[in-house]
C-alpha atoms as a PDB file:
ATOM      1  CA  UNK A   1       9.676  12.123  -1.087  1.00  0.00           C
ATOM      2  CA  UNK A   2       9.412   8.310   0.086  1.00  0.00           C
ATOM      3  CA  UNK A   3       6.393   6.340  -0.467  1.00  0.00           C
ATOM      4  CA  UNK A   4       6.517   4.486   2.954  1.00  0.00           C
ATOM      5  CA  UNK A   5       4.032   5.753   5.178  1.00  0.00           C
ATOM      6  CA  UNK A   6       3.395   8.177   7.599  1.00  0.00           C
ATOM      7  CA  UNK A   7       2.139   7.532  10.814  1.00  0.00           C
ATOM      8  CA  UNK A   8       1.287  10.140  13.464  1.00  0.00           C
ATOM      9  CA  UNK A   9       2.767  10.384  17.082  1.00  0.00           C
ATOM     10  CA  UNK A  10       1.339  11.822  20.054  1.00  0.00           C
ATOM     11  CA  UNK A  11       3.812  13.083  22.888  1.00  0.00           C
ATOM     12  CA  UNK A  12       0.783  12.120  25.927  1.00  0.00           C
ATOM     13  CA  UNK A  13       1.482  13.771  29.078  1.00  0.00           C
ATOM     14  CA  UNK A  14       4.158  16.239  28.320  1.00  0.00           C
ATOM     15  CA  UNK A  15       5.543  16.524  32.270  1.00  0.00           C
ATOM     16  CA  UNK A  16       6.106  12.521  31.539  1.00  0.00           C
ATOM     17  CA  UNK A  17       8.312  10.703  29.571  1.00  0.00           C
ATOM     18  CA  UNK A  18       6.345  10.862  26.258  1.00  0.00           C
ATOM     19  CA  UNK A  19       8.368  13.444  24.796  1.00  0.00           C
ATOM     20  CA  UNK A  20      11.954  11.880  25.148  1.00  0.00           C
ATOM     21  CA  UNK A  21      10.824   8.609  24.251  1.00  0.00           C
ATOM     22  CA  UNK A  22       8.938  10.110  21.125  1.00  0.00           C
ATOM     23  CA  UNK A  23      12.650  12.122  19.977  1.00  0.00           C
ATOM     24  CA  UNK A  24      14.385   9.030  20.083  1.00  0.00           C
ATOM     25  CA  UNK A  25      12.173   7.286  18.377  1.00  0.00           C
ATOM     26  CA  UNK A  26      11.379   9.609  15.048  1.00  0.00           C
ATOM     27  CA  UNK A  27      14.904  10.192  15.065  1.00  0.00           C
ATOM     28  CA  UNK A  28      16.252   6.530  14.771  1.00  0.00           C
ATOM     29  CA  UNK A  29      17.074   5.572  11.439  1.00  0.00           C
ATOM     30  CA  UNK A  30      15.706   2.215  11.505  1.00  0.00           C
ATOM     31  CA  UNK A  31      12.430   3.612  12.369  1.00  0.00           C
ATOM     32  CA  UNK A  32      12.223   5.978   9.858  1.00  0.00           C
ATOM     33  CA  UNK A  33      12.899   3.468   7.497  1.00  0.00           C
ATOM     34  CA  UNK A  34       9.809   1.850   8.409  1.00  0.00           C
ATOM     35  CA  UNK A  35       7.373   5.018   8.214  1.00  0.00           C
ATOM     36  CA  UNK A  36       7.417   8.622   7.571  1.00  0.00           C
ATOM     37  CA  UNK A  37       6.592  10.539  11.357  1.00  0.00           C
ATOM     38  CA  UNK A  38       4.532  13.449  12.012  1.00  0.00           C
ATOM     39  CA  UNK A  39       4.468  14.097  15.912  1.00  0.00           C
ATOM     40  CA  UNK A  40       1.869  16.095  17.159  1.00  0.00           C
ATOM     41  CA  UNK A  41       3.035  18.659  20.335  1.00  0.00           C
ATOM     42  CA  UNK A  42       3.942  21.954  20.596  1.00  0.00           C
ATOM     43  CA  UNK A  43       7.733  22.918  19.448  1.00  0.00           C
ATOM     44  CA  UNK A  44       8.617  23.945  22.257  1.00  0.00           C
ATOM     45  CA  UNK A  45       8.447  20.516  24.260  1.00  0.00           C
ATOM     46  CA  UNK A  46       9.862  18.591  21.299  1.00  0.00           C
ATOM     47  CA  UNK A  47      13.057  21.167  22.233  1.00  0.00           C
ATOM     48  CA  UNK A  48      13.235  20.776  25.411  1.00  0.00           C
ATOM     49  CA  UNK A  49      13.062  16.519  24.897  1.00  0.00           C
ATOM     50  CA  UNK A  50      16.138  16.943  22.718  1.00  0.00           C
ATOM     51  CA  UNK A  51      18.083  19.062  25.309  1.00  0.00           C
ATOM     52  CA  UNK A  52      17.058  16.539  27.507  1.00  0.00           C
ATOM     53  CA  UNK A  53      17.763  13.468  26.404  1.00  0.00           C
ATOM     54  CA  UNK A  54      21.344  14.888  23.990  1.00  0.00           C
ATOM     55  CA  UNK A  55      19.679  15.126  20.537  1.00  0.00           C
ATOM     56  CA  UNK A  56      20.689  17.795  18.376  1.00  0.00           C
ATOM     57  CA  UNK A  57      18.273  16.667  15.717  1.00  0.00           C
ATOM     58  CA  UNK A  58      16.017  20.037  14.282  1.00  0.00           C
ATOM     59  CA  UNK A  59      12.768  21.130  15.205  1.00  0.00           C
ATOM     60  CA  UNK A  60      10.749  20.953  11.747  1.00  0.00           C
ATOM     61  CA  UNK A  61       6.834  22.761  11.906  1.00  0.00           C
ATOM     62  CA  UNK A  62       4.919  20.979   9.436  1.00  0.00           C
ATOM     63  CA  UNK A  63       1.129  21.954   8.721  1.00  0.00           C
ATOM     64  CA  UNK A  64       0.354  18.882   6.833  1.00  0.00           C
ATOM     65  CA  UNK A  65       1.897  15.391   7.356  1.00  0.00           C
ATOM     66  CA  UNK A  66       2.423  15.035   3.845  1.00  0.00           C
ATOM     67  CA  UNK A  67       5.325  17.396   4.476  1.00  0.00           C
ATOM     68  CA  UNK A  68       7.052  14.616   6.337  1.00  0.00           C
ATOM     69  CA  UNK A  69      10.668  14.010   5.786  1.00  0.00           C
ATOM     70  CA  UNK A  70      12.737  11.034   5.808  1.00  0.00           C
ATOM     71  CA  UNK A  71      15.405  12.378   7.616  1.00  0.00           C
ATOM     72  CA  UNK A  72      16.182  10.904  10.567  1.00  0.00           C
ATOM     73  CA  UNK A  73      18.153  13.946  11.976  1.00  0.00           C
ATOM     74  CA  UNK A  74      14.320  16.291  11.695  1.00  0.00           C
ATOM     75  CA  UNK A  75      11.587  16.002  13.719  1.00  0.00           C
ATOM     76  CA  UNK A  76       8.366  17.049  11.906  1.00  0.00           C
ATOM     77  CA  UNK A  77       5.833  18.192  13.768  1.00  0.00           C
ATOM     78  CA  UNK A  78       2.364  19.671  14.091  1.00  0.00           C
ATOM     79  CA  UNK A  79       2.577  22.396  16.199  1.00  0.00           C
ATOM     80  CA  UNK A  80      -1.046  22.076  18.368  1.00  0.00           C
ATOM     81  CA  UNK A  81      -0.163  25.072  19.669  1.00  0.00           C
ATOM     82  CA  UNK A  82      -1.209  25.155  23.760  1.00  0.00           C
ATOM     83  CA  UNK A  83       2.399  25.703  25.288  1.00  0.00           C
ATOM     84  CA  UNK A  84       4.505  28.358  24.036  1.00  0.00           C
ATOM     85  CA  UNK A  85       7.208  27.328  26.717  1.00  0.00           C
ATOM     86  CA  UNK A  86       8.130  24.722  27.809  1.00  0.00           C
ATOM     87  CA  UNK A  87       9.217  25.783  31.266  1.00  0.00           C
ATOM     88  CA  UNK A  88       5.273  26.268  31.603  1.00  0.00           C
ATOM     89  CA  UNK A  89       5.592  22.857  32.387  1.00  0.00           C
ATOM     90  CA  UNK A  90       7.038  21.284  35.544  1.00  0.00           C
ATOM     91  CA  UNK A  91       8.509  17.744  34.949  1.00  0.00           C
ATOM     92  CA  UNK A  92       6.760  14.757  36.714  1.00  0.00           C
ATOM     93  CA  UNK A  93       3.301  16.807  37.921  1.00  0.00           C
ATOM     94  CA  UNK A  94      -0.110  16.358  36.769  1.00  0.00           C
ATOM     95  CA  UNK A  95      -0.918  20.412  35.323  1.00  0.00           C
ATOM     96  CA  UNK A  96      -3.854  21.394  33.538  1.00  0.00           C
ATOM     97  CA  UNK A  97      -1.537  22.932  30.696  1.00  0.00           C
ATOM     98  CA  UNK A  98      -0.016  19.410  30.515  1.00  0.00           C
ATOM     99  CA  UNK A  99      -3.228  17.932  29.952  1.00  0.00           C
ATOM    100  CA  UNK A 100      -4.834  20.276  27.805  1.00  0.00           C
ATOM    101  CA  UNK A 101      -1.484  19.903  25.365  1.00  0.00           C
ATOM    102  CA  UNK A 102      -1.754  15.909  25.725  1.00  0.00           C
ATOM    103  CA  UNK A 103      -5.555  15.895  25.051  1.00  0.00           C
ATOM    104  CA  UNK A 104      -5.104  18.530  22.278  1.00  0.00           C
ATOM    105  CA  UNK A 105      -2.551  15.935  20.771  1.00  0.00           C
ATOM    106  CA  UNK A 106      -5.064  12.934  20.881  1.00  0.00           C
ATOM    107  CA  UNK A 107      -7.763  15.248  18.874  1.00  0.00           C
ATOM    108  CA  UNK A 108      -5.729  16.560  16.034  1.00  0.00           C
ATOM    109  CA  UNK A 109      -4.068  12.915  15.659  1.00  0.00           C
ATOM    110  CA  UNK A 110      -7.233  11.554  15.364  1.00  0.00           C
ATOM    111  CA  UNK A 111      -8.302  14.405  13.067  1.00  0.00           C
ATOM    112  CA  UNK A 112      -5.377  13.234  10.436  1.00  0.00           C
ATOM    113  CA  UNK A 113      -5.591   9.796  10.535  1.00  0.00           C
ATOM    114  CA  UNK A 114      -9.884  10.152  10.017  1.00  0.00           C
ATOM    115  CA  UNK A 115      -9.311  11.979   7.156  1.00  0.00           C
ATOM    116  CA  UNK A 116      -6.271   9.461   5.406  1.00  0.00           C
ATOM    117  CA  UNK A 117      -3.633  11.997   6.187  1.00  0.00           C
ATOM    118  CA  UNK A 118      -1.320   9.472   7.937  1.00  0.00           C
ATOM    119  CA  UNK A 119      -1.767   5.763   8.142  1.00  0.00           C
ATOM    120  CA  UNK A 120      -2.118   5.442  11.634  1.00  0.00           C
ATOM    121  CA  UNK A 121      -1.450   6.839  15.283  1.00  0.00           C
ATOM    122  CA  UNK A 122       1.114   6.150  17.617  1.00  0.00           C
ATOM    123  CA  UNK A 123       0.707   7.049  21.554  1.00  0.00           C
ATOM    124  CA  UNK A 124       3.114   7.476  24.324  1.00  0.00           C
ATOM    125  CA  UNK A 125       0.827   7.690  27.699  1.00  0.00           C
ATOM    126  CA  UNK A 126      -0.962   9.735  29.588  1.00  0.00           C
ATOM    127  CA  UNK A 127      -2.925   9.479  32.695  1.00  0.00           C
ATOM    128  CA  UNK A 128      -6.055   7.876  32.570  1.00  0.00           C
ATOM    129  CA  UNK A 129      -8.717   7.710  29.520  1.00  0.00           C
ATOM    130  CA  UNK A 130      -6.640   7.316  26.983  1.00  0.00           C
ATOM    131  CA  UNK A 131      -8.485   4.739  24.495  1.00  0.00           C
ATOM    132  CA  UNK A 132     -12.310   6.195  25.897  1.00  0.00           C
ATOM    133  CA  UNK A 133     -10.706   9.329  24.621  1.00  0.00           C
ATOM    134  CA  UNK A 134     -10.714   7.485  21.348  1.00  0.00           C
ATOM    135  CA  UNK A 135     -13.333   5.821  21.157  1.00  0.00           C
ATOM    136  CA  UNK A 136     -15.035   8.529  21.544  1.00  0.00           C
ATOM    137  CA  UNK A 137     -13.414  11.261  19.249  1.00  0.00           C
ATOM    138  CA  UNK A 138     -13.695   8.080  16.542  1.00  0.00           C
ATOM    139  CA  UNK A 139     -17.623   6.925  17.441  1.00  0.00           C
ATOM    140  CA  UNK A 140     -16.254   2.961  17.493  1.00  0.00           C
ATOM    141  CA  UNK A 141     -19.084   1.675  19.577  1.00  0.00           C
ATOM    142  CA  UNK A 142     -16.636  -0.963  21.570  1.00  0.00           C
ATOM    143  CA  UNK A 143     -13.039  -1.269  21.514  1.00  0.00           C
ATOM    144  CA  UNK A 144     -10.218  -4.308  22.658  1.00  0.00           C
ATOM    145  CA  UNK A 145      -7.154  -4.551  23.524  1.00  0.00           C
ATOM    146  CA  UNK A 146      -4.578  -6.650  21.731  1.00  0.00           C
ATOM    147  CA  UNK A 147      -1.549  -7.082  23.204  1.00  0.00           C
ATOM    148  CA  UNK A 148       0.840  -8.033  19.937  1.00  0.00           C
ATOM    149  CA  UNK A 149       4.275  -9.875  21.219  1.00  0.00           C
ATOM    150  CA  UNK A 150       6.105 -11.449  18.296  1.00  0.00           C
ATOM    151  CA  UNK A 151       3.572 -13.009  15.987  1.00  0.00           C
ATOM    152  CA  UNK A 152       0.634 -14.100  19.706  1.00  0.00           C
ATOM    153  CA  UNK A 153      -1.670 -11.478  19.742  1.00  0.00           C
ATOM    154  CA  UNK A 154      -3.528 -11.571  22.957  1.00  0.00           C
ATOM    155  CA  UNK A 155      -6.991 -10.016  23.441  1.00  0.00           C
ATOM    156  CA  UNK A 156      -8.759  -9.720  26.948  1.00  0.00           C
ATOM    157  CA  UNK A 157     -12.666 -10.806  28.049  1.00  0.00           C
ATOM    158  CA  UNK A 158     -12.753  -8.434  30.663  1.00  0.00           C
ATOM    159  CA  UNK A 159      -9.532  -5.902  31.862  1.00  0.00           C
ATOM    160  CA  UNK A 160      -9.667  -2.823  34.226  1.00  0.00           C
ATOM    161  CA  UNK A 161     -11.687  -4.376  36.835  1.00  0.00           C
ATOM    162  CA  UNK A 162     -11.246  -6.128  40.346  1.00  0.00           C
ATOM    163  CA  UNK A 163      -9.794 -10.000  39.708  1.00  0.00           C
ATOM    164  CA  UNK A 164     -13.129 -10.553  41.701  1.00  0.00           C
ATOM    165  CA  UNK A 165     -15.023  -8.699  39.296  1.00  0.00           C
ATOM    166  CA  UNK A 166     -13.488  -9.968  36.368  1.00  0.00           C
ATOM    167  CA  UNK A 167     -14.049 -13.302  37.986  1.00  0.00           C
ATOM    168  CA  UNK A 168     -18.059 -13.492  38.772  1.00  0.00           C
ATOM    169  CA  UNK A 169     -17.876 -11.744  35.299  1.00  0.00           C
ATOM    170  CA  UNK A 170     -16.887 -14.987  33.144  1.00  0.00           C
ATOM    171  CA  UNK A 171     -20.113 -15.967  31.574  1.00  0.00           C
ATOM    172  CA  UNK A 172     -20.888 -17.866  28.506  1.00  0.00           C
ATOM    173  CA  UNK A 173     -21.901 -14.652  26.840  1.00  0.00           C
ATOM    174  CA  UNK A 174     -19.005 -12.815  27.473  1.00  0.00           C
ATOM    175  CA  UNK A 175     -16.637 -15.676  26.220  1.00  0.00           C
ATOM    176  CA  UNK A 176     -18.552 -16.083  23.136  1.00  0.00           C
ATOM    177  CA  UNK A 177     -18.543 -12.457  22.256  1.00  0.00           C
ATOM    178  CA  UNK A 178     -14.872 -12.301  22.625  1.00  0.00           C
ATOM    179  CA  UNK A 179     -13.999 -14.607  21.108  1.00  0.00           C
ATOM    180  CA  UNK A 180     -16.088 -14.131  17.863  1.00  0.00           C
ATOM    181  CA  UNK A 181     -14.024 -10.238  18.271  1.00  0.00           C
ATOM    182  CA  UNK A 182     -10.876 -11.923  18.651  1.00  0.00           C
ATOM    183  CA  UNK A 183     -11.506 -13.981  14.941  1.00  0.00           C
ATOM    184  CA  UNK A 184     -12.879 -10.958  13.346  1.00  0.00           C
ATOM    185  CA  UNK A 185      -9.843  -8.787  14.202  1.00  0.00           C
ATOM    186  CA  UNK A 186      -7.158 -11.770  13.547  1.00  0.00           C
ATOM    187  CA  UNK A 187      -8.518 -11.683  10.254  1.00  0.00           C
ATOM    188  CA  UNK A 188      -7.972  -8.008   9.733  1.00  0.00           C
ATOM    189  CA  UNK A 189      -4.625  -7.714  11.028  1.00  0.00           C
ATOM    190  CA  UNK A 190      -3.829 -10.250   8.447  1.00  0.00           C
ATOM    191  CA  UNK A 191      -4.163 -13.762  10.075  1.00  0.00           C
ATOM    192  CA  UNK A 192      -6.783 -15.327   7.334  1.00  0.00           C
ATOM    193  CA  UNK A 193      -6.967 -18.851   8.800  1.00  0.00           C
ATOM    194  CA  UNK A 194      -6.455 -18.009  12.742  1.00  0.00           C
ATOM    195  CA  UNK A 195      -5.615 -20.588  15.356  1.00  0.00           C
ATOM    196  CA  UNK A 196      -7.357 -19.035  18.155  1.00  0.00           C
ATOM    197  CA  UNK A 197      -7.440 -20.280  22.239  1.00  0.00           C
ATOM    198  CA  UNK A 198      -9.446 -19.771  25.234  1.00  0.00           C
ATOM    199  CA  UNK A 199      -6.897 -19.499  28.219  1.00  0.00           C
ATOM    200  CA  UNK A 200      -8.407 -21.050  31.527  1.00  0.00           C
ATOM    201  CA  UNK A 201      -9.365 -19.457  34.606  1.00  0.00           C
ATOM    202  CA  UNK A 202      -8.710 -22.227  37.230  1.00  0.00           C
ATOM    203  CA  UNK A 203      -5.578 -24.039  37.544  1.00  0.00           C
ATOM    204  CA  UNK A 204      -5.505 -27.473  35.454  1.00  0.00           C
ATOM    205  CA  UNK A 205      -8.651 -25.855  33.873  1.00  0.00           C
ATOM    206  CA  UNK A 206     -10.770 -27.094  36.426  1.00  0.00           C
ATOM    207  CA  UNK A 207      -9.696 -30.403  36.525  1.00  0.00           C
ATOM    208  CA  UNK A 208     -13.507 -31.736  35.187  1.00  0.00           C
ATOM    209  CA  UNK A 209     -14.687 -29.444  38.129  1.00  0.00           C
ATOM    210  CA  UNK A 210     -12.654 -30.406  40.894  1.00  0.00           C
ATOM    211  CA  UNK A 211     -11.208 -26.821  41.159  1.00  0.00           C
ATOM    212  CA  UNK A 212     -14.383 -25.137  39.866  1.00  0.00           C
ATOM    213  CA  UNK A 213     -17.169 -24.804  37.531  1.00  0.00           C
ATOM    214  CA  UNK A 214     -16.312 -21.824  35.403  1.00  0.00           C
ATOM    215  CA  UNK A 215     -14.786 -23.975  32.479  1.00  0.00           C
ATOM    216  CA  UNK A 216     -17.637 -26.480  32.338  1.00  0.00           C
ATOM    217  CA  UNK A 217     -21.107 -24.041  33.038  1.00  0.00           C
ATOM    218  CA  UNK A 218     -19.730 -21.328  30.829  1.00  0.00           C
ATOM    219  CA  UNK A 219     -15.884 -21.307  29.030  1.00  0.00           C
ATOM    220  CA  UNK A 220     -16.781 -24.361  27.140  1.00  0.00           C
ATOM    221  CA  UNK A 221     -20.592 -23.639  26.479  1.00  0.00           C
ATOM    222  CA  UNK A 222     -19.223 -20.373  25.213  1.00  0.00           C
ATOM    223  CA  UNK A 223     -16.424 -21.349  22.709  1.00  0.00           C
ATOM    224  CA  UNK A 224     -19.115 -24.003  21.269  1.00  0.00           C
ATOM    225  CA  UNK A 225     -21.107 -21.511  20.206  1.00  0.00           C
ATOM    226  CA  UNK A 226     -19.050 -20.187  18.105  1.00  0.00           C
ATOM    227  CA  UNK A 227     -16.946 -23.610  16.628  1.00  0.00           C
ATOM    228  CA  UNK A 228     -20.844 -24.968  15.751  1.00  0.00           C
ATOM    229  CA  UNK A 229     -20.514 -21.778  13.329  1.00  0.00           C
ATOM    230  CA  UNK A 230     -17.427 -23.328  11.749  1.00  0.00           C
ATOM    231  CA  UNK A 231     -14.570 -21.761  13.761  1.00  0.00           C
ATOM    232  CA  UNK A 232     -12.185 -24.447  15.394  1.00  0.00           C
ATOM    233  CA  UNK A 233     -11.230 -22.555  18.492  1.00  0.00           C
ATOM    234  CA  UNK A 234      -9.049 -24.652  21.085  1.00  0.00           C
ATOM    235  CA  UNK A 235      -9.645 -24.010  25.085  1.00  0.00           C
ATOM    236  CA  UNK A 236      -9.916 -23.699  27.641  1.00  0.00           C
ATOM    237  CA  UNK A 237      -6.289 -24.466  27.980  1.00  0.00           C
ATOM    238  CA  UNK A 238      -4.817 -24.051  30.657  1.00  0.00           C
ATOM    239  CA  UNK A 239      -3.064 -20.756  31.633  1.00  0.00           C
ATOM    240  CA  UNK A 240       0.517 -21.971  32.850  1.00  0.00           C
ATOM    241  CA  UNK A 241       0.596 -23.235  29.395  1.00  0.00           C
ATOM    242  CA  UNK A 242      -1.475 -21.941  26.539  1.00  0.00           C
ATOM    243  CA  UNK A 243       0.697 -18.664  26.494  1.00  0.00           C
ATOM    244  CA  UNK A 244       3.869 -20.763  25.552  1.00  0.00           C
ATOM    245  CA  UNK A 245       2.252 -22.631  23.824  1.00  0.00           C
ATOM    246  CA  UNK A 246       1.102 -19.523  21.316  1.00  0.00           C
ATOM    247  CA  UNK A 247       4.802 -18.202  21.688  1.00  0.00           C
ATOM    248  CA  UNK A 248       6.063 -20.969  20.184  1.00  0.00           C
ATOM    249  CA  UNK A 249       3.474 -20.801  17.254  1.00  0.00           C
ATOM    250  CA  UNK A 250       1.128 -23.261  18.095  1.00  0.00           C
ATOM    251  CA  UNK A 251      -1.726 -20.130  18.184  1.00  0.00           C
ATOM    252  CA  UNK A 252      -2.089 -16.869  16.689  1.00  0.00           C
ATOM    253  CA  UNK A 253      -4.395 -15.448  19.012  1.00  0.00           C
ATOM    254  CA  UNK A 254      -5.099 -16.345  22.520  1.00  0.00           C
ATOM    255  CA  UNK A 255      -8.501 -14.708  25.027  1.00  0.00           C
ATOM    256  CA  UNK A 256      -7.093 -14.074  28.620  1.00  0.00           C
ATOM    257  CA  UNK A 257     -10.091 -13.977  30.524  1.00  0.00           C
ATOM    258  CA  UNK A 258      -8.573 -11.278  33.200  1.00  0.00           C
ATOM    259  CA  UNK A 259      -5.940  -8.418  32.948  1.00  0.00           C
ATOM    260  CA  UNK A 260      -2.722  -9.911  34.718  1.00  0.00           C
ATOM    261  CA  UNK A 261      -3.412 -13.116  32.737  1.00  0.00           C
ATOM    262  CA  UNK A 262      -2.228 -12.062  29.777  1.00  0.00           C
ATOM    263  CA  UNK A 263       0.020  -9.040  31.041  1.00  0.00           C
ATOM    264  CA  UNK A 264       2.244 -10.999  32.875  1.00  0.00           C
ATOM    265  CA  UNK A 265       2.048 -13.658  30.132  1.00  0.00           C
ATOM    266  CA  UNK A 266       3.503 -11.227  27.460  1.00  0.00           C
ATOM    267  CA  UNK A 267       4.869  -8.764  29.916  1.00  0.00           C
ATOM    268  CA  UNK A 268       7.408 -11.229  31.068  1.00  0.00           C
ATOM    269  CA  UNK A 269       7.857 -12.921  28.302  1.00  0.00           C
ATOM    270  CA  UNK A 270       9.211  -9.734  25.961  1.00  0.00           C
ATOM    271  CA  UNK A 271       8.553  -6.088  28.008  1.00  0.00           C
ATOM    272  CA  UNK A 272       9.442  -3.868  25.588  1.00  0.00           C
ATOM    273  CA  UNK A 273       8.085  -5.866  22.444  1.00  0.00           C
ATOM    274  CA  UNK A 274       4.901  -6.099  24.273  1.00  0.00           C
ATOM    275  CA  UNK A 275       2.805  -3.680  22.189  1.00  0.00           C
ATOM    276  CA  UNK A 276      -0.591  -2.198  22.790  1.00  0.00           C
ATOM    277  CA  UNK A 277      -2.923  -2.248  19.400  1.00  0.00           C
ATOM    278  CA  UNK A 278      -6.458  -0.997  20.034  1.00  0.00           C
ATOM    279  CA  UNK A 279      -9.192  -3.170  17.853  1.00  0.00           C
ATOM    280  CA  UNK A 280     -13.122  -1.584  17.355  1.00  0.00           C
ATOM    281  CA  UNK A 281     -11.693   2.112  15.913  1.00  0.00           C
ATOM    282  CA  UNK A 282     -11.726   2.877  12.263  1.00  0.00           C
ATOM    283  CA  UNK A 283      -8.127   3.616  12.208  1.00  0.00           C
ATOM    284  CA  UNK A 284      -4.927   2.017  13.178  1.00  0.00           C
ATOM    285  CA  UNK A 285      -3.807   2.883  16.748  1.00  0.00           C
ATOM    286  CA  UNK A 286      -0.768   1.606  18.553  1.00  0.00           C
ATOM    287  CA  UNK A 287       0.381   2.317  21.451  1.00  0.00           C
ATOM    288  CA  UNK A 288       3.578   2.002  24.384  1.00  0.00           C
ATOM    289  CA  UNK A 289       1.644  -0.139  27.775  1.00  0.00           C
ATOM    290  CA  UNK A 290       3.163   1.935  30.542  1.00  0.00           C
ATOM    291  CA  UNK A 291       2.919   5.274  31.910  1.00  0.00           C
ATOM    292  CA  UNK A 292       3.911   8.216  32.266  1.00  0.00           C
ATOM    293  CA  UNK A 293       6.812   7.573  34.318  1.00  0.00           C
ATOM    294  CA  UNK A 294       6.594  10.524  36.405  1.00  0.00           C
ATOM    295  CA  UNK A 295       9.508   9.831  38.613  1.00  0.00           C
ATOM    296  CA  UNK A 296      12.319   9.978  35.775  1.00  0.00           C
ATOM    297  CA  UNK A 297      10.658  11.797  33.663  1.00  0.00           C
ATOM    298  CA  UNK A 298      13.567  15.005  32.714  1.00  0.00           C
ATOM    299  CA  UNK A 299      15.997  13.106  33.392  1.00  0.00           C
ATOM    300  CA  UNK A 300      17.023  11.010  29.879  1.00  0.00           C
ATOM    301  CA  UNK A 301      16.870   8.047  31.644  1.00  0.00           C
ATOM    302  CA  UNK A 302      13.406   6.707  29.827  1.00  0.00           C
ATOM    303  CA  UNK A 303      13.900   4.124  27.348  1.00  0.00           C
ATOM    304  CA  UNK A 304      12.749   4.568  24.161  1.00  0.00           C
ATOM    305  CA  UNK A 305      12.403   0.928  23.420  1.00  0.00           C
ATOM    306  CA  UNK A 306       8.232  -0.109  23.353  1.00  0.00           C
ATOM    307  CA  UNK A 307       7.919   2.935  21.914  1.00  0.00           C
ATOM    308  CA  UNK A 308       9.816   1.572  19.548  1.00  0.00           C
ATOM    309  CA  UNK A 309       8.202  -1.213  19.301  1.00  0.00           C
ATOM    310  CA  UNK A 310       4.927   0.322  18.716  1.00  0.00           C
ATOM    311  CA  UNK A 311       6.094   2.562  15.950  1.00  0.00           C
ATOM    312  CA  UNK A 312       7.574  -0.369  14.284  1.00  0.00           C
ATOM    313  CA  UNK A 313       3.796  -2.334  14.638  1.00  0.00           C
ATOM    314  CA  UNK A 314       2.278   0.565  13.434  1.00  0.00           C
ATOM    315  CA  UNK A 315       4.548   0.673  10.490  1.00  0.00           C
ATOM    316  CA  UNK A 316       3.829  -3.631   9.769  1.00  0.00           C
ATOM    317  CA  UNK A 317       0.232  -2.795  10.565  1.00  0.00           C
ATOM    318  CA  UNK A 318      -0.469  -0.207   8.321  1.00  0.00           C
ATOM    319  CA  UNK A 319      -0.893  -2.075   5.786  1.00  0.00           C
ATOM    320  CA  UNK A 320      -4.002  -3.424   6.413  1.00  0.00           C
ATOM    321  CA  UNK A 321      -5.482  -0.175   7.030  1.00  0.00           C
ATOM    322  CA  UNK A 322      -7.889  -0.774   3.971  1.00  0.00           C
ATOM    323  CA  UNK A 323      -9.718  -3.955   5.787  1.00  0.00           C
ATOM    324  CA  UNK A 324      -9.505  -1.802   9.266  1.00  0.00           C
ATOM    325  CA  UNK A 325     -11.655   0.936   7.938  1.00  0.00           C
ATOM    326  CA  UNK A 326     -14.144  -1.669   6.311  1.00  0.00           C
ATOM    327  CA  UNK A 327     -14.408  -3.219   9.428  1.00  0.00           C
ATOM    328  CA  UNK A 328     -14.831  -1.004  11.674  1.00  0.00           C
ATOM    329  CA  UNK A 329     -15.447   1.957  10.256  1.00  0.00           C
ATOM    330  CA  UNK A 330     -19.120   0.758   8.914  1.00  0.00           C
ATOM    331  CA  UNK A 331     -19.788   0.072  12.862  1.00  0.00           C
ATOM    332  CA  UNK A 332     -18.572   3.396  13.459  1.00  0.00           C
ATOM    333  CA  UNK A 333     -20.301   5.245  10.637  1.00  0.00           C
ATOM    334  CA  UNK A 334     -23.838   3.154  11.824  1.00  0.00           C
ATOM    335  CA  UNK A 335     -23.424   3.817  15.837  1.00  0.00           C
ATOM    336  CA  UNK A 336     -23.739   0.016  16.156  1.00  0.00           C
END
């Protein structure tokens, strides 16, 4: 048996594109050279996905992730026992049975990852509440989103809230906390001497207060608190240039102040290679950063490119599992 890591792969909502992109990913020889894979799903759902994408892969039911093999023509599946007949799930619609399957897939994958039976999980999309569910299942006290595109990591001071509320939330305490957690995450994920920058909020970084006072009153003081402890965090740097500098290798990480600021920059540069990593969990979790795509589910049109990027990132970051458990596992154990 190969010594490459075993990654647990969840198929997300079985009424969406998750089963299709999962099957296309784990049957790709290049992916299987990076890691073995065990898929948490109902076998009937994976057989239907194989028919949709025209794959002749064998669906092989296993009971332990250690049984996962290297053959890309075989999809090793842990049967979650929810859907016996795939025809019970209608493509592209929210359904109770599909939701139950999605939740069960996540629960089983987390159990095995926490027990060390897999090196981490790679997740397909569900409707809502994915990260919150993972946080609850692992008892993690917090989670942050880390986008990875090429060698650049992008963090978010605020996430899912209105732009107005996000701007109102930009306070020195928020900036300080976000920066400190980003520095820790960079070290955990292999950047031993991290170079971190903070994006500005206002055009031109506020132009010394002419375009807004947030940089002067909140962002700079937050950064200074961290730098007073020996860090060398740069910023605030105008958002129309800081991501370019990062992609060019000037920084290892950037703190984006709000959702679209970082999402637009990374996804415009390379949508398919932008991968979401959940920071703060005591297990490794990488994910696609797109939705269930109900409109094309079951048509065979779904591209697995982002799922392959997430799988690749899972294999890459799995070597830092000891760091992940040491840093975030202790926090989860203490409930802090």
